[in-house]
Amino acid sequence: MRLKLRLGGIVFLALSIACWIAERVFYGARVDENGILQESWFVPLSALFFLLGIILLLSSFLFRKR
């Protein structure tokens, strides 16, 4: 069980990094002529995947082996 949680945490952290890189390479945060910040969905996805990865990794360390 601990191995699956750690593997899932690592996968979510890797997805977070991939989304962050995709945001920076392809889109980037821009302000249009009306003063509105234009971002893609990669920013919230990156944050969500990062939080899930951290939660899974922390739970894998707190989970006791029976």
C-alpha atoms as a PDB file:
ATOM      1  CA  MET A   1       0.000   0.000   0.000  1.00  0.00           C
ATOM      2  CA  ARG A   2       2.821   2.403   0.863  1.00  0.00           C
ATOM      3  CA  LEU A   3       4.543   1.711  -2.436  1.00  0.00           C
ATOM      4  CA  LYS A   4       1.372   2.500  -4.396  1.00  0.00           C
ATOM      5  CA  LEU A   5       0.881   5.764  -2.524  1.00  0.00           C
ATOM      6  CA  ARG A   6       4.481   6.809  -3.132  1.00  0.00           C
ATOM      7  CA  LEU A   7       4.303   5.865  -6.797  1.00  0.00           C
ATOM      8  CA  GLY A   8       1.055   7.807  -7.184  1.00  0.00           C
ATOM      9  CA  GLY A   9       2.606  10.814  -5.448  1.00  0.00           C
ATOM     10  CA  ILE A  10       5.625  10.745  -7.727  1.00  0.00           C
ATOM     11  CA  VAL A  11       3.403  10.447 -10.811  1.00  0.00           C
ATOM     12  CA  PHE A  12       1.290  13.430  -9.737  1.00  0.00           C
ATOM     13  CA  LEU A  13       4.409  15.498  -9.045  1.00  0.00           C
ATOM     14  CA  ALA A  14       5.752  14.600 -12.507  1.00  0.00           C
ATOM     15  CA  LEU A  15       2.414  15.625 -14.061  1.00  0.00           C
ATOM     16  CA  SER A  16       2.599  18.887 -12.147  1.00  0.00           C
ATOM     17  CA  ILE A  17       6.046  19.626 -13.535  1.00  0.00           C
ATOM     18  CA  ALA A  18       4.921  18.701 -17.066  1.00  0.00           C
ATOM     19  CA  CYS A  19       1.902  21.041 -16.845  1.00  0.00           C
ATOM     20  CA  TRP A  20       4.084  23.854 -15.525  1.00  0.00           C
ATOM     21  CA  ILE A  21       6.592  23.390 -18.352  1.00  0.00           C
ATOM     22  CA  ALA A  22       3.797  23.272 -20.944  1.00  0.00           C
ATOM     23  CA  GLU A  23       2.381  26.534 -19.564  1.00  0.00           C
ATOM     24  CA  ARG A  24       5.737  28.288 -19.762  1.00  0.00           C
ATOM     25  CA  VAL A  25       6.717  26.947 -23.192  1.00  0.00           C
ATOM     26  CA  PHE A  26       3.457  27.152 -25.109  1.00  0.00           C
ATOM     27  CA  TYR A  27       1.298  29.774 -23.412  1.00  0.00           C
ATOM     28  CA  GLY A  28       2.807  31.874 -20.671  1.00  0.00           C
ATOM     29  CA  ALA A  29       0.826  34.432 -18.709  1.00  0.00           C
ATOM     30  CA  ARG A  30      -0.013  37.442 -20.849  1.00  0.00           C
ATOM     31  CA  VAL A  31      -2.012  40.586 -20.224  1.00  0.00           C
ATOM     32  CA  ASP A  32      -4.218  41.546 -23.175  1.00  0.00           C
ATOM     33  CA  GLU A  33      -5.026  45.058 -24.344  1.00  0.00           C
ATOM     34  CA  ASN A  34      -7.968  45.299 -21.886  1.00  0.00           C
ATOM     35  CA  GLY A  35      -5.729  44.571 -18.911  1.00  0.00           C
ATOM     36  CA  ILE A  36      -7.056  41.020 -18.375  1.00  0.00           C
ATOM     37  CA  LEU A  37      -4.631  38.258 -17.467  1.00  0.00           C
ATOM     38  CA  GLN A  38      -4.767  35.425 -20.023  1.00  0.00           C
ATOM     39  CA  GLU A  39      -3.762  31.989 -18.758  1.00  0.00           C
ATOM     40  CA  SER A  40      -4.415  28.438 -19.842  1.00  0.00           C
ATOM     41  CA  TRP A  41      -5.783  25.556 -17.775  1.00  0.00           C
ATOM     42  CA  PHE A  42      -2.261  24.275 -17.179  1.00  0.00           C
ATOM     43  CA  VAL A  43      -1.719  26.608 -14.192  1.00  0.00           C
ATOM     44  CA  PRO A  44      -4.592  25.260 -12.046  1.00  0.00           C
ATOM     45  CA  LEU A  45      -3.879  21.707 -13.191  1.00  0.00           C
ATOM     46  CA  SER A  46      -0.267  22.081 -12.148  1.00  0.00           C
ATOM     47  CA  ALA A  47      -1.289  23.312  -8.691  1.00  0.00           C
ATOM     48  CA  LEU A  48      -3.872  20.538  -8.291  1.00  0.00           C
ATOM     49  CA  PHE A  49      -1.444  17.801  -9.322  1.00  0.00           C
ATOM     50  CA  PHE A  50       1.219  19.235  -7.007  1.00  0.00           C
ATOM     51  CA  LEU A  51      -1.122  19.215  -4.004  1.00  0.00           C
ATOM     52  CA  LEU A  52      -2.314  15.682  -4.756  1.00  0.00           C
ATOM     53  CA  GLY A  53       1.279  14.494  -5.108  1.00  0.00           C
ATOM     54  CA  ILE A  54       2.319  16.028  -1.793  1.00  0.00           C
ATOM     55  CA  ILE A  55      -0.743  14.599  -0.017  1.00  0.00           C
ATOM     56  CA  LEU A  56      -0.081  11.110  -1.392  1.00  0.00           C
ATOM     57  CA  LEU A  57       3.604  11.228  -0.491  1.00  0.00           C
ATOM     58  CA  LEU A  58       2.916  12.448   3.035  1.00  0.00           C
ATOM     59  CA  SER A  59       0.236   9.813   3.547  1.00  0.00           C
ATOM     60  CA  SER A  60       2.638   7.111   2.356  1.00  0.00           C
ATOM     61  CA  PHE A  61       5.088   8.106   5.082  1.00  0.00           C
ATOM     62  CA  LEU A  62       2.375   8.276   7.749  1.00  0.00           C
ATOM     63  CA  PHE A  63       0.762   4.969   6.772  1.00  0.00           C
ATOM     64  CA  ARG A  64       1.958   2.179   9.053  1.00  0.00           C
ATOM     65  CA  LYS A  65       2.758  -1.286   7.885  1.00  0.00           C
ATOM     66  CA  ARG A  66       0.583  -3.910   9.599  1.00  0.00           C
END
